[in-house]
Amino acid sequence: MAAGVTATGGAMYKQGDWIFGFNQYLGVCSIFYTELWGILD
């Protein structure tokens, strides 16, 4: 699997109003690990 610079993040909305957001720099890893971090966050 190829590896590259990766990050994950998300945002929470309730009825169109922004509640909070987050992001996390993961470094150099594969898309598999990026997806796992997205699930765990």
C-alpha atoms as a PDB file:
ATOM      1  CA  MET A   1       0.000   0.000   0.000  1.00  0.00           C
ATOM      2  CA  ALA A   2       1.245   3.470  -0.790  1.00  0.00           C
ATOM      3  CA  ALA A   3       1.789   5.912   2.076  1.00  0.00           C
ATOM      4  CA  GLY A   4       1.516   9.681   2.113  1.00  0.00           C
ATOM      5  CA  VAL A   5       0.976  12.676   4.386  1.00  0.00           C
ATOM      6  CA  THR A   6      -2.450  12.236   5.974  1.00  0.00           C
ATOM      7  CA  ALA A   7      -4.935  13.977   8.253  1.00  0.00           C
ATOM      8  CA  THR A   8      -8.425  13.254   9.541  1.00  0.00           C
ATOM      9  CA  GLY A   9     -11.214  15.427  10.882  1.00  0.00           C
ATOM     10  CA  GLY A  10     -14.890  16.040  11.189  1.00  0.00           C
ATOM     11  CA  ALA A  11     -17.620  18.491  12.140  1.00  0.00           C
ATOM     12  CA  MET A  12     -20.816  18.158  14.138  1.00  0.00           C
ATOM     13  CA  TYR A  13     -23.981  20.019  13.193  1.00  0.00           C
ATOM     14  CA  LYS A  14     -27.396  20.070  14.832  1.00  0.00           C
ATOM     15  CA  GLN A  15     -30.330  21.450  12.857  1.00  0.00           C
ATOM     16  CA  GLY A  16     -27.968  23.467  10.668  1.00  0.00           C
ATOM     17  CA  ASP A  17     -26.005  25.012  13.584  1.00  0.00           C
ATOM     18  CA  TRP A  18     -22.308  24.212  13.942  1.00  0.00           C
ATOM     19  CA  ILE A  19     -21.525  22.541  17.300  1.00  0.00           C
ATOM     20  CA  PHE A  20     -17.814  21.667  17.048  1.00  0.00           C
ATOM     21  CA  GLY A  21     -15.138  20.448  14.685  1.00  0.00           C
ATOM     22  CA  PHE A  22     -11.787  18.726  14.930  1.00  0.00           C
ATOM     23  CA  ASN A  23      -8.795  17.733  12.868  1.00  0.00           C
ATOM     24  CA  GLN A  24      -5.719  15.644  13.502  1.00  0.00           C
ATOM     25  CA  TYR A  25      -2.459  15.386  11.596  1.00  0.00           C
ATOM     26  CA  LEU A  26      -1.507  11.702  11.302  1.00  0.00           C
ATOM     27  CA  GLY A  27       1.881  12.007   9.623  1.00  0.00           C
ATOM     28  CA  VAL A  28       2.958   9.613   6.896  1.00  0.00           C
ATOM     29  CA  CYS A  29       0.786   6.487   6.798  1.00  0.00           C
ATOM     30  CA  SER A  30      -1.485   4.508   4.492  1.00  0.00           C
ATOM     31  CA  ILE A  31      -5.142   5.234   3.732  1.00  0.00           C
ATOM     32  CA  PHE A  32      -6.026   2.124   5.779  1.00  0.00           C
ATOM     33  CA  TYR A  33      -4.666   3.688   8.988  1.00  0.00           C
ATOM     34  CA  THR A  34      -6.212   7.044   8.101  1.00  0.00           C
ATOM     35  CA  GLU A  35      -9.636   5.404   7.846  1.00  0.00           C
ATOM     36  CA  LEU A  36      -9.110   3.596  11.166  1.00  0.00           C
ATOM     37  CA  TRP A  37      -8.280   6.893  12.906  1.00  0.00           C
ATOM     38  CA  GLY A  38     -11.414   8.410  11.385  1.00  0.00           C
ATOM     39  CA  ILE A  39     -13.519   5.618  12.868  1.00  0.00           C
ATOM     40  CA  LEU A  40     -11.829   5.807  16.286  1.00  0.00           C
ATOM     41  CA  ASP A  41     -12.194   9.592  16.522  1.00  0.00           C
END
